[in-house]
Amino acid sequence: MERPRPGGAPATAPVPAARQIGPYHLITRLDPPGGHVPCRRFIARSADGDRTVLVNSPLPGADPGRFAVEAEAGRRLMGPWVAPVAEVAAPGEAPWYAVPYLPALPLPVALAVHGSPLPERTVRALGAALAETLQTAHAQGLTHAGLSPAAVLITGDGPRLTCFGAVRAAAPDGEQRAGLPGLEPGGIAPEQVSGGRPRPPGDIYALGAVLAYATTGHTAPERDELPADLRPLISACLSRDPAGRPTAADALTELAPPAPHATVLSSAGSLMTPGWLPGRIVAALARQSAEVLAAELRLPQPPFTPHVPQTWN
């Protein structure tokens, strides 16, 4: 993942008029060109204007069958920090899936808008939410296999995790995954790069890469680049030995330690207090929301049929 460029980035990017995926007409791209984005993502709206969604479709050259399987499986991933899969393409249709729209910036765009890596307070809240989501998934026997900086969307009330199964969709088990379009090279666990089946320790490696990116601007920093308070956790997550990585529950406890005498488990929600996001990112989210609300879809118009009044004899 390239370092973010200071100075900000547009909240939206235009798409050609009358573009459509499934029943949804595209308003704007979510991601800027370039970068390691696991799939194509668009903010889109139904023709009647009642539903605004985030539509995901495979990258050019990706296997549509594997993408469709992962999209359907993504319905099982639950939790407050997940962008839930609400609708998938019908059988025989080109694959896509939709999640409800919230004003959101991919993590790389958020860093570009902020102009620098994120404050430690923001990183802790972000990491705790991701760790909490992975903890729930792993307890259900699920491996996310798609966590990367671009898979994390920043919203006003916390992050949302997307791109379930991106590693599995990119190539089947047993095949090399190095250099494939859409996969962040610094965020894939070594055992997955060589074609190994994605398992929970691979998600933890990806979590470490996301935290490293949020704090330094890239996924494979030198140890001394990491903030001192987060250095031990991030370094452990990025261990090349899967057995040396913490569990999601351990990571959550490190990022959101329970208060003294607390009677509940660690929770990311306790970190999403006012001011958890830098002001420039909040302003960019507000700008995106206004642009999407104001967007007018240029839909094809039916051919004009003149009205011929009836005559009565």
C-alpha atoms as a PDB file:
ATOM      1  CA  MET A   1       0.000   0.000   0.000  1.00  0.00           C
ATOM      2  CA  GLU A   2       1.427   3.339  -0.988  1.00  0.00           C
ATOM      3  CA  ARG A   3       1.821   6.080   1.542  1.00  0.00           C
ATOM      4  CA  PRO A   4      -1.093   8.557   1.520  1.00  0.00           C
ATOM      5  CA  ARG A   5      -0.471  11.878  -0.095  1.00  0.00           C
ATOM      6  CA  PRO A   6      -0.900  14.922   2.136  1.00  0.00           C
ATOM      7  CA  GLY A   7      -3.467  17.498   1.224  1.00  0.00           C
ATOM      8  CA  GLY A   8      -6.633  15.471   1.023  1.00  0.00           C
ATOM      9  CA  ALA A   9      -8.624  13.543  -1.565  1.00  0.00           C
ATOM     10  CA  PRO A  10     -12.054  13.997  -3.083  1.00  0.00           C
ATOM     11  CA  ALA A  11     -14.896  12.379  -1.186  1.00  0.00           C
ATOM     12  CA  THR A  12     -16.385  11.071  -4.422  1.00  0.00           C
ATOM     13  CA  ALA A  13     -15.272  10.426  -7.986  1.00  0.00           C
ATOM     14  CA  PRO A  14     -17.688  10.645 -10.924  1.00  0.00           C
ATOM     15  CA  VAL A  15     -18.658   7.673 -13.053  1.00  0.00           C
ATOM     16  CA  PRO A  16     -20.067   7.729 -16.581  1.00  0.00           C
ATOM     17  CA  ALA A  17     -23.757   8.536 -16.853  1.00  0.00           C
ATOM     18  CA  ALA A  18     -26.331   5.742 -16.994  1.00  0.00           C
ATOM     19  CA  ARG A  19     -23.985   3.096 -15.576  1.00  0.00           C
ATOM     20  CA  GLN A  20     -25.867   0.322 -13.799  1.00  0.00           C
ATOM     21  CA  ILE A  21     -25.100  -2.814 -11.757  1.00  0.00           C
ATOM     22  CA  GLY A  22     -28.065  -5.061 -11.098  1.00  0.00           C
ATOM     23  CA  PRO A  23     -31.052  -2.841 -10.291  1.00  0.00           C
ATOM     24  CA  TYR A  24     -28.857   0.012  -9.058  1.00  0.00           C
ATOM     25  CA  HIS A  25     -27.744   3.094 -10.957  1.00  0.00           C
ATOM     26  CA  LEU A  26     -24.241   4.257 -10.086  1.00  0.00           C
ATOM     27  CA  ILE A  27     -23.705   7.652  -8.511  1.00  0.00           C
ATOM     28  CA  THR A  28     -19.959   7.636  -7.856  1.00  0.00           C
ATOM     29  CA  ARG A  29     -16.965   5.419  -7.277  1.00  0.00           C
ATOM     30  CA  LEU A  30     -16.028   4.890  -3.651  1.00  0.00           C
ATOM     31  CA  ASP A  31     -12.318   4.315  -4.311  1.00  0.00           C
ATOM     32  CA  PRO A  32      -9.882   6.517  -6.234  1.00  0.00           C
ATOM     33  CA  PRO A  33      -7.999   4.912  -9.143  1.00  0.00           C
ATOM     34  CA  GLY A  34      -5.019   2.730  -8.251  1.00  0.00           C
ATOM     35  CA  GLY A  35      -4.170   1.090  -4.969  1.00  0.00           C
ATOM     36  CA  HIS A  36      -4.923  -2.410  -3.762  1.00  0.00           C
ATOM     37  CA  VAL A  37      -8.735  -2.441  -3.712  1.00  0.00           C
ATOM     38  CA  PRO A  38     -10.168  -5.976  -3.429  1.00  0.00           C
ATOM     39  CA  CYS A  39     -13.207  -5.226  -5.616  1.00  0.00           C
ATOM     40  CA  ARG A  40     -14.909  -2.417  -7.518  1.00  0.00           C
ATOM     41  CA  ARG A  41     -17.145  -0.358  -5.223  1.00  0.00           C
ATOM     42  CA  PHE A  42     -19.754   2.230  -6.144  1.00  0.00           C
ATOM     43  CA  ILE A  43     -22.322   4.294  -4.303  1.00  0.00           C
ATOM     44  CA  ALA A  44     -25.554   3.594  -6.148  1.00  0.00           C
ATOM     45  CA  ARG A  45     -29.289   4.194  -5.964  1.00  0.00           C
ATOM     46  CA  SER A  46     -32.378   2.319  -7.031  1.00  0.00           C
ATOM     47  CA  ALA A  47     -34.327   3.756  -9.950  1.00  0.00           C
ATOM     48  CA  ASP A  48     -37.195   4.808  -7.682  1.00  0.00           C
ATOM     49  CA  GLY A  49     -34.759   6.658  -5.429  1.00  0.00           C
ATOM     50  CA  ASP A  50     -35.830   4.746  -2.326  1.00  0.00           C
ATOM     51  CA  ARG A  51     -32.594   2.840  -1.678  1.00  0.00           C
ATOM     52  CA  THR A  52     -29.014   4.067  -1.663  1.00  0.00           C
ATOM     53  CA  VAL A  53     -26.445   1.297  -1.340  1.00  0.00           C
ATOM     54  CA  LEU A  54     -22.799   0.460  -1.731  1.00  0.00           C
ATOM     55  CA  VAL A  55     -22.508  -1.969  -4.659  1.00  0.00           C
ATOM     56  CA  ASN A  56     -19.520  -4.296  -4.918  1.00  0.00           C
ATOM     57  CA  SER A  57     -18.491  -6.173  -8.068  1.00  0.00           C
ATOM     58  CA  PRO A  58     -15.404  -8.222  -9.001  1.00  0.00           C
ATOM     59  CA  LEU A  59     -12.263  -6.687 -10.396  1.00  0.00           C
ATOM     60  CA  PRO A  60     -11.563  -7.264 -14.087  1.00  0.00           C
ATOM     61  CA  GLY A  61      -9.913 -10.658 -14.440  1.00  0.00           C
ATOM     62  CA  ALA A  62     -11.215 -11.974 -11.120  1.00  0.00           C
ATOM     63  CA  ASP A  63     -13.069 -15.280 -10.985  1.00  0.00           C
ATOM     64  CA  PRO A  64     -16.782 -14.360 -10.912  1.00  0.00           C
ATOM     65  CA  GLY A  65     -17.818 -17.723  -9.502  1.00  0.00           C
ATOM     66  CA  ARG A  66     -15.572 -17.476  -6.454  1.00  0.00           C
ATOM     67  CA  PHE A  67     -16.640 -13.854  -5.943  1.00  0.00           C
ATOM     68  CA  ALA A  68     -20.310 -14.898  -5.961  1.00  0.00           C
ATOM     69  CA  VAL A  69     -19.669 -17.693  -3.437  1.00  0.00           C
ATOM     70  CA  GLU A  70     -17.890 -15.320  -1.061  1.00  0.00           C
ATOM     71  CA  ALA A  71     -20.609 -12.685  -1.456  1.00  0.00           C
ATOM     72  CA  GLU A  72     -23.259 -15.196  -0.411  1.00  0.00           C
ATOM     73  CA  ALA A  73     -21.114 -16.435   2.486  1.00  0.00           C
ATOM     74  CA  GLY A  74     -20.653 -12.832   3.626  1.00  0.00           C
ATOM     75  CA  ARG A  75     -24.269 -12.852   4.810  1.00  0.00           C
ATOM     76  CA  ARG A  76     -23.082 -14.906   7.806  1.00  0.00           C
ATOM     77  CA  LEU A  77     -20.692 -12.219   9.049  1.00  0.00           C
ATOM     78  CA  MET A  78     -22.463 -10.218  11.737  1.00  0.00           C
ATOM     79  CA  GLY A  79     -21.688  -7.472  14.238  1.00  0.00           C
ATOM     80  CA  PRO A  80     -21.883  -3.699  14.688  1.00  0.00           C
ATOM     81  CA  TRP A  81     -18.635  -3.080  12.782  1.00  0.00           C
ATOM     82  CA  VAL A  82     -19.539  -5.061   9.668  1.00  0.00           C
ATOM     83  CA  ALA A  83     -21.036  -3.669   6.461  1.00  0.00           C
ATOM     84  CA  PRO A  84     -23.756  -6.340   6.177  1.00  0.00           C
ATOM     85  CA  VAL A  85     -24.397  -8.048   2.847  1.00  0.00           C
ATOM     86  CA  ALA A  86     -28.045  -7.203   2.202  1.00  0.00           C
ATOM     87  CA  GLU A  87     -28.530  -8.303  -1.409  1.00  0.00           C
ATOM     88  CA  VAL A  88     -26.685 -10.448  -3.942  1.00  0.00           C
ATOM     89  CA  ALA A  89     -26.989 -10.982  -7.661  1.00  0.00           C
ATOM     90  CA  ALA A  90     -29.571 -13.472  -8.862  1.00  0.00           C
ATOM     91  CA  PRO A  91     -28.356 -16.813 -10.244  1.00  0.00           C
ATOM     92  CA  GLY A  92     -27.114 -16.391 -13.814  1.00  0.00           C
ATOM     93  CA  GLU A  93     -26.602 -12.647 -13.370  1.00  0.00           C
ATOM     94  CA  ALA A  94     -23.157 -11.022 -13.395  1.00  0.00           C
ATOM     95  CA  PRO A  95     -22.011 -11.155  -9.745  1.00  0.00           C
ATOM     96  CA  TRP A  96     -22.428  -8.234  -7.386  1.00  0.00           C
ATOM     97  CA  TYR A  97     -23.604  -7.597  -3.858  1.00  0.00           C
ATOM     98  CA  ALA A  98     -24.971  -4.576  -2.045  1.00  0.00           C
ATOM     99  CA  VAL A  99     -24.675  -3.272   1.497  1.00  0.00           C
ATOM    100  CA  PRO A 100     -26.663  -0.386   3.012  1.00  0.00           C
ATOM    101  CA  TYR A 101     -25.030   2.978   2.370  1.00  0.00           C
ATOM    102  CA  LEU A 102     -23.490   5.071   5.111  1.00  0.00           C
ATOM    103  CA  PRO A 103     -21.207   8.050   4.438  1.00  0.00           C
ATOM    104  CA  ALA A 104     -17.847   6.254   4.463  1.00  0.00           C
ATOM    105  CA  LEU A 105     -14.234   6.667   3.394  1.00  0.00           C
ATOM    106  CA  PRO A 106     -11.906   3.749   2.700  1.00  0.00           C
ATOM    107  CA  LEU A 107      -9.035   3.857   5.175  1.00  0.00           C
ATOM    108  CA  PRO A 108      -6.452   4.926   2.533  1.00  0.00           C
ATOM    109  CA  VAL A 109      -8.692   7.837   1.530  1.00  0.00           C
ATOM    110  CA  ALA A 110      -9.167   8.795   5.188  1.00  0.00           C
ATOM    111  CA  LEU A 111      -5.394   8.997   5.645  1.00  0.00           C
ATOM    112  CA  ALA A 112      -5.075  11.108   2.499  1.00  0.00           C
ATOM    113  CA  VAL A 113      -7.811  13.454   3.717  1.00  0.00           C
ATOM    114  CA  HIS A 114      -6.155  13.726   7.133  1.00  0.00           C
ATOM    115  CA  GLY A 115      -2.812  14.386   5.461  1.00  0.00           C
ATOM    116  CA  SER A 116      -0.850  12.052   7.740  1.00  0.00           C
ATOM    117  CA  PRO A 117      -1.163   8.791   9.684  1.00  0.00           C
ATOM    118  CA  LEU A 118      -3.984   8.703  12.204  1.00  0.00           C
ATOM    119  CA  PRO A 119      -3.727   9.633  15.897  1.00  0.00           C
ATOM    120  CA  GLU A 120      -3.228   6.750  18.317  1.00  0.00           C
ATOM    121  CA  ARG A 121      -6.688   7.313  19.809  1.00  0.00           C
ATOM    122  CA  THR A 122      -8.267   6.773  16.399  1.00  0.00           C
ATOM    123  CA  VAL A 123      -6.084   3.753  15.661  1.00  0.00           C
ATOM    124  CA  ARG A 124      -7.005   2.087  18.952  1.00  0.00           C
ATOM    125  CA  ALA A 125     -10.718   2.544  18.300  1.00  0.00           C
ATOM    126  CA  LEU A 126     -10.331   1.286  14.740  1.00  0.00           C
ATOM    127  CA  GLY A 127      -8.279  -1.728  15.788  1.00  0.00           C
ATOM    128  CA  ALA A 128     -10.583  -2.627  18.667  1.00  0.00           C
ATOM    129  CA  ALA A 129     -13.601  -2.667  16.351  1.00  0.00           C
ATOM    130  CA  LEU A 130     -11.815  -4.909  13.858  1.00  0.00           C
ATOM    131  CA  ALA A 131     -10.552  -7.228  16.599  1.00  0.00           C
ATOM    132  CA  GLU A 132     -14.047  -7.462  18.071  1.00  0.00           C
ATOM    133  CA  THR A 133     -15.450  -8.382  14.658  1.00  0.00           C
ATOM    134  CA  LEU A 134     -12.769 -11.021  14.089  1.00  0.00           C
ATOM    135  CA  GLN A 135     -13.345 -12.450  17.558  1.00  0.00           C
ATOM    136  CA  THR A 136     -17.027 -12.965  16.742  1.00  0.00           C
ATOM    137  CA  ALA A 137     -16.267 -14.427  13.322  1.00  0.00           C
ATOM    138  CA  HIS A 138     -13.630 -16.836  14.608  1.00  0.00           C
ATOM    139  CA  ALA A 139     -15.963 -18.029  17.358  1.00  0.00           C
ATOM    140  CA  GLN A 140     -18.460 -18.932  14.600  1.00  0.00           C
ATOM    141  CA  GLY A 141     -15.830 -20.835  12.637  1.00  0.00           C
ATOM    142  CA  LEU A 142     -15.457 -18.080  10.025  1.00  0.00           C
ATOM    143  CA  THR A 143     -12.223 -16.661   8.648  1.00  0.00           C
ATOM    144  CA  HIS A 144     -12.667 -13.236   7.093  1.00  0.00           C
ATOM    145  CA  ALA A 145      -9.816 -13.624   4.574  1.00  0.00           C
ATOM    146  CA  GLY A 146     -10.165 -10.127   3.186  1.00  0.00           C
ATOM    147  CA  LEU A 147      -9.016  -7.655   5.825  1.00  0.00           C
ATOM    148  CA  SER A 148      -6.793  -4.939   4.342  1.00  0.00           C
ATOM    149  CA  PRO A 149      -6.583  -1.135   4.565  1.00  0.00           C
ATOM    150  CA  ALA A 150      -8.958  -0.719   1.616  1.00  0.00           C
ATOM    151  CA  ALA A 151     -11.434  -3.213   3.125  1.00  0.00           C
ATOM    152  CA  VAL A 152     -11.924  -0.929   6.146  1.00  0.00           C
ATOM    153  CA  LEU A 153     -14.457   1.861   5.724  1.00  0.00           C
ATOM    154  CA  ILE A 154     -14.388   4.779   8.149  1.00  0.00           C
ATOM    155  CA  THR A 155     -17.798   6.158   9.168  1.00  0.00           C
ATOM    156  CA  GLY A 156     -18.763   8.710  11.764  1.00  0.00           C
ATOM    157  CA  ASP A 157     -19.727   6.173  14.413  1.00  0.00           C
ATOM    158  CA  GLY A 158     -16.966   3.634  13.804  1.00  0.00           C
ATOM    159  CA  PRO A 159     -15.364   1.519  11.089  1.00  0.00           C
ATOM    160  CA  ARG A 160     -17.141  -1.013   8.896  1.00  0.00           C
ATOM    161  CA  LEU A 161     -15.375  -4.129   7.653  1.00  0.00           C
ATOM    162  CA  THR A 162     -16.047  -5.176   4.040  1.00  0.00           C
ATOM    163  CA  CYS A 163     -14.573  -7.444   1.338  1.00  0.00           C
ATOM    164  CA  PHE A 164     -15.283 -10.779   3.023  1.00  0.00           C
ATOM    165  CA  GLY A 165     -13.343 -13.583   1.332  1.00  0.00           C
ATOM    166  CA  ALA A 166     -11.237 -11.387  -0.961  1.00  0.00           C
ATOM    167  CA  VAL A 167      -8.200 -13.668  -0.566  1.00  0.00           C
ATOM    168  CA  ARG A 168     -10.223 -16.791  -1.332  1.00  0.00           C
ATOM    169  CA  ALA A 169     -11.932 -15.089  -4.278  1.00  0.00           C
ATOM    170  CA  ALA A 170      -8.594 -13.968  -5.758  1.00  0.00           C
ATOM    171  CA  ALA A 171      -7.201 -17.500  -6.112  1.00  0.00           C
ATOM    172  CA  PRO A 172      -8.097 -20.982  -4.884  1.00  0.00           C
ATOM    173  CA  ASP A 173      -6.149 -22.696  -2.126  1.00  0.00           C
ATOM    174  CA  GLY A 174      -2.902 -24.172  -3.370  1.00  0.00           C
ATOM    175  CA  GLU A 175      -2.150 -21.396  -5.850  1.00  0.00           C
ATOM    176  CA  GLN A 176       0.305 -18.565  -5.294  1.00  0.00           C
ATOM    177  CA  ARG A 177      -1.449 -15.333  -4.361  1.00  0.00           C
ATOM    178  CA  ALA A 178       1.515 -12.992  -4.710  1.00  0.00           C
ATOM    179  CA  GLY A 179       0.987 -10.102  -7.103  1.00  0.00           C
ATOM    180  CA  LEU A 180      -2.692 -10.719  -7.755  1.00  0.00           C
ATOM    181  CA  PRO A 181      -4.830  -7.632  -8.504  1.00  0.00           C
ATOM    182  CA  GLY A 182      -6.626  -6.224  -5.480  1.00  0.00           C
ATOM    183  CA  LEU A 183      -4.572  -7.971  -2.802  1.00  0.00           C
ATOM    184  CA  GLU A 184      -2.415  -5.833  -0.524  1.00  0.00           C
ATOM    185  CA  PRO A 185       1.016  -7.532  -0.657  1.00  0.00           C
ATOM    186  CA  GLY A 186       2.058  -6.374   2.810  1.00  0.00           C
ATOM    187  CA  GLY A 187      -1.185  -7.501   4.398  1.00  0.00           C
ATOM    188  CA  ILE A 188      -1.416 -11.141   3.365  1.00  0.00           C
ATOM    189  CA  ALA A 189      -0.050 -13.664   5.829  1.00  0.00           C
ATOM    190  CA  PRO A 190       2.968 -15.599   4.466  1.00  0.00           C
ATOM    191  CA  GLU A 191       1.093 -18.884   4.662  1.00  0.00           C
ATOM    192  CA  GLN A 192      -1.703 -17.436   2.519  1.00  0.00           C
ATOM    193  CA  VAL A 193       0.680 -15.945  -0.057  1.00  0.00           C
ATOM    194  CA  SER A 194       1.975 -19.435  -0.777  1.00  0.00           C
ATOM    195  CA  GLY A 195      -1.553 -20.740  -1.310  1.00  0.00           C
ATOM    196  CA  GLY A 196      -2.393 -21.954   2.167  1.00  0.00           C
ATOM    197  CA  ARG A 197      -6.001 -22.104   3.251  1.00  0.00           C
ATOM    198  CA  PRO A 198      -7.018 -18.888   5.057  1.00  0.00           C
ATOM    199  CA  ARG A 199      -7.365 -19.453   8.795  1.00  0.00           C
ATOM    200  CA  PRO A 200      -7.891 -17.126  11.801  1.00  0.00           C
ATOM    201  CA  PRO A 201      -4.148 -16.433  12.357  1.00  0.00           C
ATOM    202  CA  GLY A 202      -4.075 -15.002   8.839  1.00  0.00           C
ATOM    203  CA  ASP A 203      -6.787 -12.522   9.831  1.00  0.00           C
ATOM    204  CA  ILE A 204      -4.630 -11.454  12.778  1.00  0.00           C
ATOM    205  CA  TYR A 205      -1.665 -10.863  10.474  1.00  0.00           C
ATOM    206  CA  ALA A 206      -3.925  -8.682   8.313  1.00  0.00           C
ATOM    207  CA  LEU A 207      -5.105  -6.833  11.428  1.00  0.00           C
ATOM    208  CA  GLY A 208      -1.485  -6.014  12.249  1.00  0.00           C
ATOM    209  CA  ALA A 209      -0.944  -4.744   8.699  1.00  0.00           C
ATOM    210  CA  VAL A 210      -4.010  -2.495   8.928  1.00  0.00           C
ATOM    211  CA  LEU A 211      -2.866  -1.063  12.267  1.00  0.00           C
ATOM    212  CA  ALA A 212       0.615  -0.536  10.865  1.00  0.00           C
ATOM    213  CA  TYR A 213      -0.854   1.264   7.870  1.00  0.00           C
ATOM    214  CA  ALA A 214      -3.062   3.469  10.033  1.00  0.00           C
ATOM    215  CA  THR A 215      -0.080   4.529  12.175  1.00  0.00           C
ATOM    216  CA  THR A 216       2.653   4.844   9.538  1.00  0.00           C
ATOM    217  CA  GLY A 217       1.015   5.017   6.098  1.00  0.00           C
ATOM    218  CA  HIS A 218       2.226   1.608   4.905  1.00  0.00           C
ATOM    219  CA  THR A 219       1.652  -2.027   5.806  1.00  0.00           C
ATOM    220  CA  ALA A 220       5.242  -3.188   6.280  1.00  0.00           C
ATOM    221  CA  PRO A 221       6.960  -0.597   8.483  1.00  0.00           C
ATOM    222  CA  GLU A 222      10.202  -0.907  10.354  1.00  0.00           C
ATOM    223  CA  ARG A 223       9.609  -1.700  14.011  1.00  0.00           C
ATOM    224  CA  ASP A 224      10.964   1.686  15.119  1.00  0.00           C
ATOM    225  CA  GLU A 225       8.371   3.478  12.981  1.00  0.00           C
ATOM    226  CA  LEU A 226       5.514   2.120  15.092  1.00  0.00           C
ATOM    227  CA  PRO A 227       4.192   4.095  18.085  1.00  0.00           C
ATOM    228  CA  ALA A 228       5.756   2.778  21.281  1.00  0.00           C
ATOM    229  CA  ASP A 229       2.451   1.911  22.942  1.00  0.00           C
ATOM    230  CA  LEU A 230       1.214  -0.088  19.930  1.00  0.00           C
ATOM    231  CA  ARG A 231       4.548  -1.561  18.866  1.00  0.00           C
ATOM    232  CA  PRO A 232       4.376  -4.842  20.837  1.00  0.00           C
ATOM    233  CA  LEU A 233       0.868  -5.710  19.623  1.00  0.00           C
ATOM    234  CA  ILE A 234       1.430  -4.816  15.971  1.00  0.00           C
ATOM    235  CA  SER A 235       4.759  -6.643  15.900  1.00  0.00           C
ATOM    236  CA  ALA A 236       3.172  -9.757  17.410  1.00  0.00           C
ATOM    237  CA  CYS A 237       0.315  -9.667  14.881  1.00  0.00           C
ATOM    238  CA  LEU A 238       2.873  -9.480  12.062  1.00  0.00           C
ATOM    239  CA  SER A 239       4.820 -12.500  13.246  1.00  0.00           C
ATOM    240  CA  ARG A 240       5.689 -14.793  10.349  1.00  0.00           C
ATOM    241  CA  ASP A 241       4.902 -17.742  12.601  1.00  0.00           C
ATOM    242  CA  PRO A 242       1.108 -18.139  12.922  1.00  0.00           C
ATOM    243  CA  ALA A 243       1.559 -19.631  16.391  1.00  0.00           C
ATOM    244  CA  GLY A 244       3.288 -16.456  17.542  1.00  0.00           C
ATOM    245  CA  ARG A 245       0.330 -14.194  16.790  1.00  0.00           C
ATOM    246  CA  PRO A 246      -2.237 -13.187  19.429  1.00  0.00           C
ATOM    247  CA  THR A 247      -5.875 -14.175  19.193  1.00  0.00           C
ATOM    248  CA  ALA A 248      -8.514 -11.619  18.279  1.00  0.00           C
ATOM    249  CA  ALA A 249      -9.643 -11.604  21.927  1.00  0.00           C
ATOM    250  CA  ASP A 250      -6.089 -10.837  23.076  1.00  0.00           C
ATOM    251  CA  ALA A 251      -5.805  -8.009  20.565  1.00  0.00           C
ATOM    252  CA  LEU A 252      -9.108  -6.542  21.703  1.00  0.00           C
ATOM    253  CA  THR A 253      -7.995  -6.571  25.336  1.00  0.00           C
ATOM    254  CA  GLU A 254      -4.749  -4.794  24.381  1.00  0.00           C
ATOM    255  CA  LEU A 255      -6.547  -2.124  22.390  1.00  0.00           C
ATOM    256  CA  ALA A 256      -9.564  -1.608  24.660  1.00  0.00           C
ATOM    257  CA  PRO A 257      -8.556  -2.800  28.128  1.00  0.00           C
ATOM    258  CA  PRO A 258     -11.477  -3.182  30.539  1.00  0.00           C
ATOM    259  CA  ALA A 259     -11.822  -0.533  33.206  1.00  0.00           C
ATOM    260  CA  PRO A 260     -10.935  -1.507  36.780  1.00  0.00           C
ATOM    261  CA  HIS A 261     -13.694  -3.584  38.372  1.00  0.00           C
ATOM    262  CA  ALA A 262     -15.516  -3.785  35.030  1.00  0.00           C
ATOM    263  CA  THR A 263     -18.219  -6.435  34.861  1.00  0.00           C
ATOM    264  CA  VAL A 264     -18.333  -6.612  31.054  1.00  0.00           C
ATOM    265  CA  LEU A 265     -15.802  -7.719  28.451  1.00  0.00           C
ATOM    266  CA  SER A 266     -13.686  -5.271  26.463  1.00  0.00           C
ATOM    267  CA  SER A 267     -15.701  -3.458  23.841  1.00  0.00           C
ATOM    268  CA  ALA A 268     -14.722  -1.250  20.946  1.00  0.00           C
ATOM    269  CA  GLY A 269     -17.843   0.837  21.460  1.00  0.00           C
ATOM    270  CA  SER A 270     -16.348   2.380  24.582  1.00  0.00           C
ATOM    271  CA  LEU A 271     -13.678   4.022  22.402  1.00  0.00           C
ATOM    272  CA  MET A 272     -16.096   5.607  19.913  1.00  0.00           C
ATOM    273  CA  THR A 273     -16.543   8.731  21.999  1.00  0.00           C
ATOM    274  CA  PRO A 274     -16.883  12.264  20.574  1.00  0.00           C
ATOM    275  CA  GLY A 275     -13.667  13.344  18.934  1.00  0.00           C
ATOM    276  CA  TRP A 276     -12.445   9.862  18.064  1.00  0.00           C
ATOM    277  CA  LEU A 277     -12.136  10.919  14.412  1.00  0.00           C
ATOM    278  CA  PRO A 278      -9.966  13.844  13.225  1.00  0.00           C
ATOM    279  CA  GLY A 279     -11.925  16.866  12.058  1.00  0.00           C
ATOM    280  CA  ARG A 280     -10.855  16.719   8.412  1.00  0.00           C
ATOM    281  CA  ILE A 281     -12.225  13.194   8.089  1.00  0.00           C
ATOM    282  CA  VAL A 282     -15.505  14.207   9.721  1.00  0.00           C
ATOM    283  CA  ALA A 283     -15.777  17.097   7.259  1.00  0.00           C
ATOM    284  CA  ALA A 284     -15.076  14.790   4.296  1.00  0.00           C
ATOM    285  CA  LEU A 285     -17.806  12.405   5.433  1.00  0.00           C
ATOM    286  CA  ALA A 286     -20.264  15.293   5.666  1.00  0.00           C
ATOM    287  CA  ARG A 287     -19.268  16.476   2.196  1.00  0.00           C
ATOM    288  CA  GLN A 288     -19.755  13.026   0.720  1.00  0.00           C
ATOM    289  CA  SER A 289     -23.171  12.733   2.345  1.00  0.00           C
ATOM    290  CA  ALA A 290     -24.260  16.072   0.891  1.00  0.00           C
ATOM    291  CA  GLU A 291     -22.975  15.165  -2.582  1.00  0.00           C
ATOM    292  CA  VAL A 292     -24.761  11.812  -2.580  1.00  0.00           C
ATOM    293  CA  LEU A 293     -28.018  13.359  -1.370  1.00  0.00           C
ATOM    294  CA  ALA A 294     -27.821  15.985  -4.094  1.00  0.00           C
ATOM    295  CA  ALA A 295     -26.900  13.548  -6.854  1.00  0.00           C
ATOM    296  CA  GLU A 296     -29.417  13.290  -9.658  1.00  0.00           C
ATOM    297  CA  LEU A 297     -29.491  10.048 -11.597  1.00  0.00           C
ATOM    298  CA  ARG A 298     -29.493  10.473 -15.354  1.00  0.00           C
ATOM    299  CA  LEU A 299     -31.745   7.587 -16.211  1.00  0.00           C
ATOM    300  CA  PRO A 300     -32.686   6.645 -19.775  1.00  0.00           C
ATOM    301  CA  GLN A 301     -36.014   8.190 -20.666  1.00  0.00           C
ATOM    302  CA  PRO A 302     -38.736   6.111 -22.326  1.00  0.00           C
ATOM    303  CA  PRO A 303     -39.599   7.111 -25.872  1.00  0.00           C
ATOM    304  CA  PHE A 304     -42.166   9.878 -26.120  1.00  0.00           C
ATOM    305  CA  THR A 305     -45.651   8.713 -27.010  1.00  0.00           C
ATOM    306  CA  PRO A 306     -48.003  11.576 -27.893  1.00  0.00           C
ATOM    307  CA  HIS A 307     -51.372  11.571 -26.242  1.00  0.00           C
ATOM    308  CA  VAL A 308     -54.207  11.085 -28.713  1.00  0.00           C
ATOM    309  CA  PRO A 309     -57.541  12.093 -27.234  1.00  0.00           C
ATOM    310  CA  GLN A 310     -60.386   9.665 -27.737  1.00  0.00           C
ATOM    311  CA  THR A 311     -63.353  10.703 -29.792  1.00  0.00           C
ATOM    312  CA  TRP A 312     -66.839   9.489 -29.108  1.00  0.00           C
ATOM    313  CA  ASN A 313     -69.341   9.015 -31.850  1.00  0.00           C
END
